[in-house]
All heavy atoms as atom14 arrays in JSON, in Angstrom:
{
  "sequence": "SVNDCQILAHYKYEAEQYIITLASKEIAENTQPGQFVHLSVSGML",
  "atom14_mask": [
    [1, 1, 1, 1, 1, 1, 0, 0, 0, 0, 0, 0, 0, 0],
    [1, 1, 1, 1, 1, 1, 1, 0, 0, 0, 0, 0, 0, 0],
    [1, 1, 1, 1, 1, 1, 1, 1, 0, 0, 0, 0, 0, 0],
    [1, 1, 1, 1, 1, 1, 1, 1, 0, 0, 0, 0, 0, 0],
    [1, 1, 1, 1, 1, 1, 0, 0, 0, 0, 0, 0, 0, 0],
    [1, 1, 1, 1, 1, 1, 1, 1, 1, 0, 0, 0, 0, 0],
    [1, 1, 1, 1, 1, 1, 1, 1, 0, 0, 0, 0, 0, 0],
    [1, 1, 1, 1, 1, 1, 1, 1, 0, 0, 0, 0, 0, 0],
    [1, 1, 1, 1, 1, 0, 0, 0, 0, 0, 0, 0, 0, 0],
    [1, 1, 1, 1, 1, 1, 1, 1, 1, 1, 0, 0, 0, 0],
    [1, 1, 1, 1, 1, 1, 1, 1, 1, 1, 1, 1, 0, 0],
    [1, 1, 1, 1, 1, 1, 1, 1, 1, 0, 0, 0, 0, 0],
    [1, 1, 1, 1, 1, 1, 1, 1, 1, 1, 1, 1, 0, 0],
    [1, 1, 1, 1, 1, 1, 1, 1, 1, 0, 0, 0, 0, 0],
    [1, 1, 1, 1, 1, 0, 0, 0, 0, 0, 0, 0, 0, 0],
    [1, 1, 1, 1, 1, 1, 1, 1, 1, 0, 0, 0, 0, 0],
    [1, 1, 1, 1, 1, 1, 1, 1, 1, 0, 0, 0, 0, 0],
    [1, 1, 1, 1, 1, 1, 1, 1, 1, 1, 1, 1, 0, 0],
    [1, 1, 1, 1, 1, 1, 1, 1, 0, 0, 0, 0, 0, 0],
    [1, 1, 1, 1, 1, 1, 1, 1, 0, 0, 0, 0, 0, 0],
    [1, 1, 1, 1, 1, 1, 1, 0, 0, 0, 0, 0, 0, 0],
    [1, 1, 1, 1, 1, 1, 1, 1, 0, 0, 0, 0, 0, 0],
    [1, 1, 1, 1, 1, 0, 0, 0, 0, 0, 0, 0, 0, 0],
    [1, 1, 1, 1, 1, 1, 0, 0, 0, 0, 0, 0, 0, 0],
    [1, 1, 1, 1, 1, 1, 1, 1, 1, 0, 0, 0, 0, 0],
    [1, 1, 1, 1, 1, 1, 1, 1, 1, 0, 0, 0, 0, 0],
    [1, 1, 1, 1, 1, 1, 1, 1, 0, 0, 0, 0, 0, 0],
    [1, 1, 1, 1, 1, 0, 0, 0, 0, 0, 0, 0, 0, 0],
    [1, 1, 1, 1, 1, 1, 1, 1, 1, 0, 0, 0, 0, 0],
    [1, 1, 1, 1, 1, 1, 1, 1, 0, 0, 0, 0, 0, 0],
    [1, 1, 1, 1, 1, 1, 1, 0, 0, 0, 0, 0, 0, 0],
    [1, 1, 1, 1, 1, 1, 1, 1, 1, 0, 0, 0, 0, 0],
    [1, 1, 1, 1, 1, 1, 1, 0, 0, 0, 0, 0, 0, 0],
    [1, 1, 1, 1, 0, 0, 0, 0, 0, 0, 0, 0, 0, 0],
    [1, 1, 1, 1, 1, 1, 1, 1, 1, 0, 0, 0, 0, 0],
    [1, 1, 1, 1, 1, 1, 1, 1, 1, 1, 1, 0, 0, 0],
    [1, 1, 1, 1, 1, 1, 1, 0, 0, 0, 0, 0, 0, 0],
    [1, 1, 1, 1, 1, 1, 1, 1, 1, 1, 0, 0, 0, 0],
    [1, 1, 1, 1, 1, 1, 1, 1, 0, 0, 0, 0, 0, 0],
    [1, 1, 1, 1, 1, 1, 0, 0, 0, 0, 0, 0, 0, 0],
    [1, 1, 1, 1, 1, 1, 1, 0, 0, 0, 0, 0, 0, 0],
    [1, 1, 1, 1, 1, 1, 0, 0, 0, 0, 0, 0, 0, 0],
    [1, 1, 1, 1, 0, 0, 0, 0, 0, 0, 0, 0, 0, 0],
    [1, 1, 1, 1, 1, 1, 1, 1, 0, 0, 0, 0, 0, 0],
    [1, 1, 1, 1, 1, 1, 1, 1, 0, 0, 0, 0, 0, 0]
  ],
  "atom14_positions": [
    [[4.52, -63.86, -37.28], [4.69, -65.27, -36.95], [4.6, -65.41, -35.41], [4.69, -64.47, -34.68], [6.05, -65.75, -37.44], [7.13, -65.03, -36.83], [0.0, 0.0, 0.0], [0.0, 0.0, 0.0], [0.0, 0.0, 0.0], [0.0, 0.0, 0.0], [0.0, 0.0, 0.0], [0.0, 0.0, 0.0], [0.0, 0.0, 0.0], [0.0, 0.0, 0.0]],
    [[4.37, -66.63, -34.97], [4.31, -66.9, -33.53], [5.67, -67.53, -33.13], [6.12, -68.48, -33.7], [3.19, -67.89, -33.18], [3.12, -68.12, -31.69], [1.84, -67.31, -33.67], [0.0, 0.0, 0.0], [0.0, 0.0, 0.0], [0.0, 0.0, 0.0], [0.0, 0.0, 0.0], [0.0, 0.0, 0.0], [0.0, 0.0, 0.0], [0.0, 0.0, 0.0]],
    [[6.29, -66.91, -32.1], [7.61, -67.32, -31.71], [7.71, -67.55, -30.2], [7.13, -66.8, -29.42], [8.64, -66.2, -32.07], [8.6, -65.86, -33.54], [9.36, -66.39, -34.33], [7.7, -64.9, -33.9], [0.0, 0.0, 0.0], [0.0, 0.0, 0.0], [0.0, 0.0, 0.0], [0.0, 0.0, 0.0], [0.0, 0.0, 0.0], [0.0, 0.0, 0.0]],
    [[8.43, -68.58, -29.81], [8.74, -68.76, -28.41], [10.1, -68.1, -28.16], [11.13, -68.53, -28.66], [8.85, -70.27, -28.05], [7.48, -70.93, -28.07], [6.5, -70.27, -27.7], [7.41, -72.14, -28.4], [0.0, 0.0, 0.0], [0.0, 0.0, 0.0], [0.0, 0.0, 0.0], [0.0, 0.0, 0.0], [0.0, 0.0, 0.0], [0.0, 0.0, 0.0]],
    [[10.05, -67.03, -27.38], [11.25, -66.18, -27.17], [11.75, -66.24, -25.73], [11.0, -65.94, -24.81], [10.89, -64.74, -27.54], [10.25, -64.51, -29.19], [0.0, 0.0, 0.0], [0.0, 0.0, 0.0], [0.0, 0.0, 0.0], [0.0, 0.0, 0.0], [0.0, 0.0, 0.0], [0.0, 0.0, 0.0], [0.0, 0.0, 0.0], [0.0, 0.0, 0.0]],
    [[13.0, -66.6, -25.6], [13.59, -66.67, -24.28], [14.03, -65.29, -23.81], [14.52, -64.48, -24.63], [14.8, -67.61, -24.25], [15.38, -67.83, -22.88], [16.52, -68.86, -22.88], [17.4, -68.77, -23.74], [16.49, -69.83, -21.95], [0.0, 0.0, 0.0], [0.0, 0.0, 0.0], [0.0, 0.0, 0.0], [0.0, 0.0, 0.0], [0.0, 0.0, 0.0]],
    [[13.84, -64.98, -22.53], [14.26, -63.71, -21.98], [15.76, -63.81, -21.72], [16.24, -64.65, -20.97], [13.51, -63.43, -20.67], [12.03, -63.3, -20.92], [14.05, -62.11, -20.04], [11.2, -63.12, -19.64], [0.0, 0.0, 0.0], [0.0, 0.0, 0.0], [0.0, 0.0, 0.0], [0.0, 0.0, 0.0], [0.0, 0.0, 0.0], [0.0, 0.0, 0.0]],
    [[16.54, -62.9, -22.32], [17.96, -62.89, -22.16], [18.46, -61.83, -21.17], [19.49, -61.95, -20.53], [18.67, -62.64, -23.47], [18.32, -63.66, -24.58], [19.14, -63.28, -25.87], [18.68, -65.07, -24.15], [0.0, 0.0, 0.0], [0.0, 0.0, 0.0], [0.0, 0.0, 0.0], [0.0, 0.0, 0.0], [0.0, 0.0, 0.0], [0.0, 0.0, 0.0]],
    [[17.64, -60.76, -20.97], [17.96, -59.72, -20.01], [16.68, -59.01, -19.64], [15.71, -58.94, -20.43], [18.96, -58.71, -20.6], [0.0, 0.0, 0.0], [0.0, 0.0, 0.0], [0.0, 0.0, 0.0], [0.0, 0.0, 0.0], [0.0, 0.0, 0.0], [0.0, 0.0, 0.0], [0.0, 0.0, 0.0], [0.0, 0.0, 0.0], [0.0, 0.0, 0.0]],
    [[16.65, -58.49, -18.41], [15.41, -57.79, -17.94], [15.86, -56.76, -16.91], [16.2, -57.12, -15.79], [14.45, -58.8, -17.33], [13.01, -58.37, -17.37], [12.02, -59.19, -16.93], [12.46, -57.23, -17.74], [10.84, -58.55, -17.07], [11.1, -57.35, -17.59], [0.0, 0.0, 0.0], [0.0, 0.0, 0.0], [0.0, 0.0, 0.0], [0.0, 0.0, 0.0]],
    [[15.88, -55.48, -17.3], [16.38, -54.43, -16.45], [15.23, -53.56, -15.93], [14.31, -53.21, -16.66], [17.36, -53.54, -17.22], [18.56, -54.26, -17.73], [18.66, -54.63, -19.05], [19.64, -54.54, -16.86], [19.82, -55.32, -19.52], [20.77, -55.21, -17.31], [20.83, -55.57, -18.65], [21.93, -56.22, -19.11], [0.0, 0.0, 0.0], [0.0, 0.0, 0.0]],
    [[15.3, -53.22, -14.65], [14.3, -52.34, -14.03], [14.86, -50.97, -13.83], [16.03, -50.81, -13.43], [13.89, -52.91, -12.68], [12.8, -52.06, -11.98], [12.37, -52.66, -10.64], [11.29, -51.78, -10.03], [10.82, -52.33, -8.71], [0.0, 0.0, 0.0], [0.0, 0.0, 0.0], [0.0, 0.0, 0.0], [0.0, 0.0, 0.0], [0.0, 0.0, 0.0]],
    [[14.06, -49.95, -14.17], [14.45, -48.54, -13.98], [13.43, -47.84, -13.09], [12.41, -48.46, -12.7], [14.54, -47.85, -15.34], [15.61, -48.41, -16.25], [15.34, -49.5, -17.07], [16.91, -47.89, -16.23], [16.33, -50.03, -17.87], [17.89, -48.46, -17.01], [17.61, -49.51, -17.84], [18.59, -50.05, -18.64], [0.0, 0.0, 0.0], [0.0, 0.0, 0.0]],
    [[13.71, -46.59, -12.76], [12.79, -45.83, -11.94], [11.4, -45.75, -12.55], [11.23, -45.87, -13.75], [13.36, -44.46, -11.64], [14.6, -44.42, -10.78], [14.99, -42.99, -10.42], [14.27, -42.33, -9.67], [16.04, -42.54, -10.89], [0.0, 0.0, 0.0], [0.0, 0.0, 0.0], [0.0, 0.0, 0.0], [0.0, 0.0, 0.0], [0.0, 0.0, 0.0]],
    [[10.42, -45.48, -11.68], [9.02, -45.28, -12.12], [8.43, -46.51, -12.8], [7.64, -46.45, -13.73], [8.91, -44.08, -13.04], [0.0, 0.0, 0.0], [0.0, 0.0, 0.0], [0.0, 0.0, 0.0], [0.0, 0.0, 0.0], [0.0, 0.0, 0.0], [0.0, 0.0, 0.0], [0.0, 0.0, 0.0], [0.0, 0.0, 0.0], [0.0, 0.0, 0.0]],
    [[8.9, -47.7, -12.32], [8.39, -48.99, -12.8], [8.48, -49.13, -14.3], [7.56, -49.59, -14.99], [6.92, -49.16, -12.33], [6.76, -49.26, -10.84], [5.4, -49.67, -10.4], [4.41, -49.08, -10.88], [5.26, -50.58, -9.57], [0.0, 0.0, 0.0], [0.0, 0.0, 0.0], [0.0, 0.0, 0.0], [0.0, 0.0, 0.0], [0.0, 0.0, 0.0]],
    [[9.64, -48.78, -14.85], [9.93, -48.92, -16.24], [10.95, -50.06, -16.39], [11.83, -50.25, -15.58], [10.57, -47.64, -16.82], [9.63, -46.43, -16.75], [10.34, -45.13, -17.18], [10.18, -44.69, -18.34], [11.12, -44.58, -16.3], [0.0, 0.0, 0.0], [0.0, 0.0, 0.0], [0.0, 0.0, 0.0], [0.0, 0.0, 0.0], [0.0, 0.0, 0.0]],
    [[10.78, -50.81, -17.5], [11.61, -51.99, -17.74], [12.05, -52.06, -19.16], [11.34, -51.66, -20.08], [10.82, -53.3, -17.4], [10.49, -53.46, -15.95], [9.41, -52.79, -15.4], [11.24, -54.34, -15.14], [9.1, -52.94, -14.03], [10.9, -54.5, -13.8], [9.83, -53.77, -13.27], [9.52, -53.95, -11.95], [0.0, 0.0, 0.0], [0.0, 0.0, 0.0]],
    [[13.25, -52.6, -19.39], [13.72, -52.96, -20.73], [13.99, -54.47, -20.75], [14.76, -54.95, -19.9], [14.96, -52.15, -21.16], [14.6, -50.69, -21.29], [15.52, -52.71, -22.47], [15.77, -49.8, -21.67], [0.0, 0.0, 0.0], [0.0, 0.0, 0.0], [0.0, 0.0, 0.0], [0.0, 0.0, 0.0], [0.0, 0.0, 0.0], [0.0, 0.0, 0.0]],
    [[13.37, -55.15, -21.67], [13.49, -56.63, -21.73], [14.13, -56.97, -23.07], [13.73, -56.42, -24.11], [12.12, -57.32, -21.53], [12.27, -58.83, -21.38], [11.12, -56.94, -22.55], [10.99, -59.53, -20.91], [0.0, 0.0, 0.0], [0.0, 0.0, 0.0], [0.0, 0.0, 0.0], [0.0, 0.0, 0.0], [0.0, 0.0, 0.0], [0.0, 0.0, 0.0]],
    [[15.04, -57.93, -23.06], [15.68, -58.41, -24.29], [15.23, -59.83, -24.51], [15.35, -60.69, -23.62], [17.22, -58.37, -24.17], [17.65, -57.01, -23.96], [17.85, -58.88, -25.44], [0.0, 0.0, 0.0], [0.0, 0.0, 0.0], [0.0, 0.0, 0.0], [0.0, 0.0, 0.0], [0.0, 0.0, 0.0], [0.0, 0.0, 0.0], [0.0, 0.0, 0.0]],
    [[14.68, -60.08, -25.71], [14.17, -61.38, -26.07], [14.88, -61.94, -27.29], [15.34, -61.18, -28.14], [12.67, -61.31, -26.39], [11.8, -60.86, -25.19], [10.4, -60.46, -25.69], [11.64, -62.01, -24.19], [0.0, 0.0, 0.0], [0.0, 0.0, 0.0], [0.0, 0.0, 0.0], [0.0, 0.0, 0.0], [0.0, 0.0, 0.0], [0.0, 0.0, 0.0]],
    [[14.97, -63.27, -27.34], [15.68, -63.92, -28.46], [14.69, -64.37, -29.52], [13.75, -65.12, -29.23], [16.47, -65.12, -27.94], [0.0, 0.0, 0.0], [0.0, 0.0, 0.0], [0.0, 0.0, 0.0], [0.0, 0.0, 0.0], [0.0, 0.0, 0.0], [0.0, 0.0, 0.0], [0.0, 0.0, 0.0], [0.0, 0.0, 0.0], [0.0, 0.0, 0.0]],
    [[14.88, -63.9, -30.74], [14.1, -64.35, -31.91], [14.78, -63.84, -33.13], [14.72, -62.63, -33.46], [12.66, -63.94, -31.91], [12.04, -64.21, -33.14], [0.0, 0.0, 0.0], [0.0, 0.0, 0.0], [0.0, 0.0, 0.0], [0.0, 0.0, 0.0], [0.0, 0.0, 0.0], [0.0, 0.0, 0.0], [0.0, 0.0, 0.0], [0.0, 0.0, 0.0]],
    [[15.43, -64.71, -33.89], [16.14, -64.32, -35.11], [15.14, -63.8, -36.12], [15.38, -62.78, -36.82], [16.87, -65.54, -35.68], [17.83, -65.21, -36.81], [18.61, -66.46, -37.21], [19.68, -66.11, -38.21], [19.16, -65.62, -39.5], [0.0, 0.0, 0.0], [0.0, 0.0, 0.0], [0.0, 0.0, 0.0], [0.0, 0.0, 0.0], [0.0, 0.0, 0.0]],
    [[13.96, -64.44, -36.17], [12.93, -64.01, -37.15], [12.41, -62.61, -36.92], [12.31, -61.8, -37.82], [11.78, -65.02, -37.17], [10.79, -64.81, -38.29], [9.95, -66.04, -38.58], [10.09, -67.05, -37.88], [9.13, -65.95, -39.52], [0.0, 0.0, 0.0], [0.0, 0.0, 0.0], [0.0, 0.0, 0.0], [0.0, 0.0, 0.0], [0.0, 0.0, 0.0]],
    [[12.07, -62.33, -35.63], [11.58, -60.96, -35.3], [12.66, -59.95, -35.52], [12.43, -58.86, -36.03], [11.01, -60.96, -33.89], [9.74, -61.82, -33.82], [10.73, -59.52, -33.43], [9.13, -61.93, -32.43], [0.0, 0.0, 0.0], [0.0, 0.0, 0.0], [0.0, 0.0, 0.0], [0.0, 0.0, 0.0], [0.0, 0.0, 0.0], [0.0, 0.0, 0.0]],
    [[13.89, -60.26, -35.08], [14.98, -59.3, -35.23], [15.25, -58.94, -36.68], [15.52, -57.77, -37.01], [16.24, -59.87, -34.58], [0.0, 0.0, 0.0], [0.0, 0.0, 0.0], [0.0, 0.0, 0.0], [0.0, 0.0, 0.0], [0.0, 0.0, 0.0], [0.0, 0.0, 0.0], [0.0, 0.0, 0.0], [0.0, 0.0, 0.0], [0.0, 0.0, 0.0]],
    [[15.13, -59.9, -37.57], [15.46, -59.69, -38.97], [14.3, -59.0, -39.72], [14.55, -58.31, -40.72], [15.77, -61.02, -39.65], [17.14, -61.6, -39.23], [17.48, -62.87, -39.99], [16.56, -63.43, -40.6], [18.62, -63.32, -39.92], [0.0, 0.0, 0.0], [0.0, 0.0, 0.0], [0.0, 0.0, 0.0], [0.0, 0.0, 0.0], [0.0, 0.0, 0.0]],
    [[13.07, -59.19, -39.26], [11.91, -58.7, -40.06], [11.27, -57.46, -39.51], [10.42, -56.86, -40.22], [10.85, -59.82, -40.13], [11.27, -60.98, -41.02], [11.57, -60.79, -42.19], [11.3, -62.16, -40.46], [0.0, 0.0, 0.0], [0.0, 0.0, 0.0], [0.0, 0.0, 0.0], [0.0, 0.0, 0.0], [0.0, 0.0, 0.0], [0.0, 0.0, 0.0]],
    [[11.63, -56.98, -38.31], [10.96, -55.84, -37.75], [11.44, -54.56, -38.39], [12.61, -54.3, -38.56], [11.23, -55.77, -36.23], [10.65, -56.95, -35.61], [10.55, -54.54, -35.61], [0.0, 0.0, 0.0], [0.0, 0.0, 0.0], [0.0, 0.0, 0.0], [0.0, 0.0, 0.0], [0.0, 0.0, 0.0], [0.0, 0.0, 0.0], [0.0, 0.0, 0.0]],
    [[10.45, -53.67, -38.72], [10.69, -52.34, -39.23], [10.3, -51.33, -38.15], [9.42, -51.55, -37.32], [9.88, -52.09, -40.52], [10.26, -53.0, -41.67], [11.71, -52.87, -42.09], [12.21, -51.76, -42.21], [12.34, -54.01, -42.28], [0.0, 0.0, 0.0], [0.0, 0.0, 0.0], [0.0, 0.0, 0.0], [0.0, 0.0, 0.0], [0.0, 0.0, 0.0]],
    [[10.97, -50.15, -38.13], [10.63, -49.15, -37.12], [9.13, -48.78, -37.11], [8.54, -48.54, -38.16], [11.48, -47.93, -37.55], [12.63, -48.51, -38.27], [12.1, -49.73, -38.99], [0.0, 0.0, 0.0], [0.0, 0.0, 0.0], [0.0, 0.0, 0.0], [0.0, 0.0, 0.0], [0.0, 0.0, 0.0], [0.0, 0.0, 0.0], [0.0, 0.0, 0.0]],
    [[8.56, -48.83, -35.95], [7.13, -48.54, -35.78], [6.29, -49.76, -35.63], [5.12, -49.69, -35.19], [0.0, 0.0, 0.0], [0.0, 0.0, 0.0], [0.0, 0.0, 0.0], [0.0, 0.0, 0.0], [0.0, 0.0, 0.0], [0.0, 0.0, 0.0], [0.0, 0.0, 0.0], [0.0, 0.0, 0.0], [0.0, 0.0, 0.0], [0.0, 0.0, 0.0]],
    [[6.84, -50.95, -35.94], [6.07, -52.18, -35.75], [6.13, -52.59, -34.25], [6.98, -52.11, -33.47], [6.61, -53.31, -36.63], [6.33, -53.08, -38.11], [6.73, -54.3, -38.93], [7.87, -54.71, -38.91], [5.77, -54.82, -39.67], [0.0, 0.0, 0.0], [0.0, 0.0, 0.0], [0.0, 0.0, 0.0], [0.0, 0.0, 0.0], [0.0, 0.0, 0.0]],
    [[5.24, -53.48, -33.89], [5.15, -53.95, -32.53], [4.98, -55.46, -32.44], [4.81, -56.13, -33.52], [4.02, -53.25, -31.76], [2.62, -53.59, -32.28], [1.88, -54.61, -31.68], [2.1, -52.94, -33.38], [0.62, -54.94, -32.14], [0.82, -53.26, -33.89], [0.09, -54.28, -33.27], [0.0, 0.0, 0.0], [0.0, 0.0, 0.0], [0.0, 0.0, 0.0]],
    [[5.09, -56.0, -31.23], [4.84, -57.42, -31.02], [3.67, -57.55, -30.02], [3.37, -56.62, -29.28], [6.06, -58.15, -30.48], [7.19, -58.18, -31.55], [6.56, -57.53, -29.2], [0.0, 0.0, 0.0], [0.0, 0.0, 0.0], [0.0, 0.0, 0.0], [0.0, 0.0, 0.0], [0.0, 0.0, 0.0], [0.0, 0.0, 0.0], [0.0, 0.0, 0.0]],
    [[3.05, -58.72, -30.0], [1.94, -59.01, -29.12], [2.39, -60.21, -28.3], [2.51, -61.29, -28.83], [0.69, -59.31, -29.94], [-0.6, -59.0, -29.28], [-1.72, -59.81, -29.41], [-0.94, -58.0, -28.46], [-2.71, -59.29, -28.72], [-2.28, -58.21, -28.13], [0.0, 0.0, 0.0], [0.0, 0.0, 0.0], [0.0, 0.0, 0.0], [0.0, 0.0, 0.0]],
    [[2.64, -60.04, -27.02], [3.28, -61.08, -26.25], [2.48, -61.58, -25.05], [1.72, -60.76, -24.45], [4.67, -60.7, -25.81], [4.86, -59.66, -24.71], [6.27, -59.73, -24.19], [4.56, -58.28, -25.15], [0.0, 0.0, 0.0], [0.0, 0.0, 0.0], [0.0, 0.0, 0.0], [0.0, 0.0, 0.0], [0.0, 0.0, 0.0], [0.0, 0.0, 0.0]],
    [[2.65, -62.82, -24.74], [2.03, -63.37, -23.51], [2.82, -62.83, -22.33], [4.08, -62.72, -22.43], [2.04, -64.91, -23.53], [3.38, -65.37, -23.6], [0.0, 0.0, 0.0], [0.0, 0.0, 0.0], [0.0, 0.0, 0.0], [0.0, 0.0, 0.0], [0.0, 0.0, 0.0], [0.0, 0.0, 0.0], [0.0, 0.0, 0.0], [0.0, 0.0, 0.0]],
    [[2.18, -62.54, -21.24], [2.87, -62.0, -20.09], [3.1, -63.02, -19.01], [4.01, -62.94, -18.24], [2.15, -60.77, -19.52], [2.14, -59.63, -20.53], [0.72, -61.09, -19.1], [0.0, 0.0, 0.0], [0.0, 0.0, 0.0], [0.0, 0.0, 0.0], [0.0, 0.0, 0.0], [0.0, 0.0, 0.0], [0.0, 0.0, 0.0], [0.0, 0.0, 0.0]],
    [[2.18, -64.03, -18.98], [2.33, -65.12, -17.98], [1.26, -66.17, -18.32], [0.45, -66.01, -19.19], [2.04, -64.58, -16.55], [0.66, -64.34, -16.33], [0.0, 0.0, 0.0], [0.0, 0.0, 0.0], [0.0, 0.0, 0.0], [0.0, 0.0, 0.0], [0.0, 0.0, 0.0], [0.0, 0.0, 0.0], [0.0, 0.0, 0.0], [0.0, 0.0, 0.0]],
    [[1.39, -67.27, -17.62], [0.4, -68.33, -17.8], [-0.95, -68.03, -17.14], [-1.92, -68.78, -17.28], [0.0, 0.0, 0.0], [0.0, 0.0, 0.0], [0.0, 0.0, 0.0], [0.0, 0.0, 0.0], [0.0, 0.0, 0.0], [0.0, 0.0, 0.0], [0.0, 0.0, 0.0], [0.0, 0.0, 0.0], [0.0, 0.0, 0.0], [0.0, 0.0, 0.0]],
    [[-0.99, -66.94, -16.37], [-2.19, -66.59, -15.61], [-3.17, -65.78, -16.45], [-4.36, -65.78, -16.2], [-1.78, -65.78, -14.36], [-0.81, -66.46, -13.43], [-1.55, -67.85, -12.59], [-2.66, -66.92, -11.5], [0.0, 0.0, 0.0], [0.0, 0.0, 0.0], [0.0, 0.0, 0.0], [0.0, 0.0, 0.0], [0.0, 0.0, 0.0], [0.0, 0.0, 0.0]],
    [[-2.66, -65.05, -17.45], [-3.51, -64.18, -18.26], [-3.5, -64.66, -19.72], [-2.46, -64.82, -20.31], [-3.03, -62.71, -18.2], [-3.13, -62.04, -16.83], [-2.5, -60.65, -16.93], [-4.58, -61.94, -16.39], [0.0, 0.0, 0.0], [0.0, 0.0, 0.0], [0.0, 0.0, 0.0], [0.0, 0.0, 0.0], [0.0, 0.0, 0.0], [0.0, 0.0, 0.0]]
  ]
}
């Protein structure tokens, strides 16, 4: 499904690594280990 997900947290770690927390009840409930999401990164791309 296509979801508008708000960023709730965004942490930066060494070596330009990040962990981002997004809000989506539908994705949280339906995701199985190994699945992925396809997300927009900005309005520029």
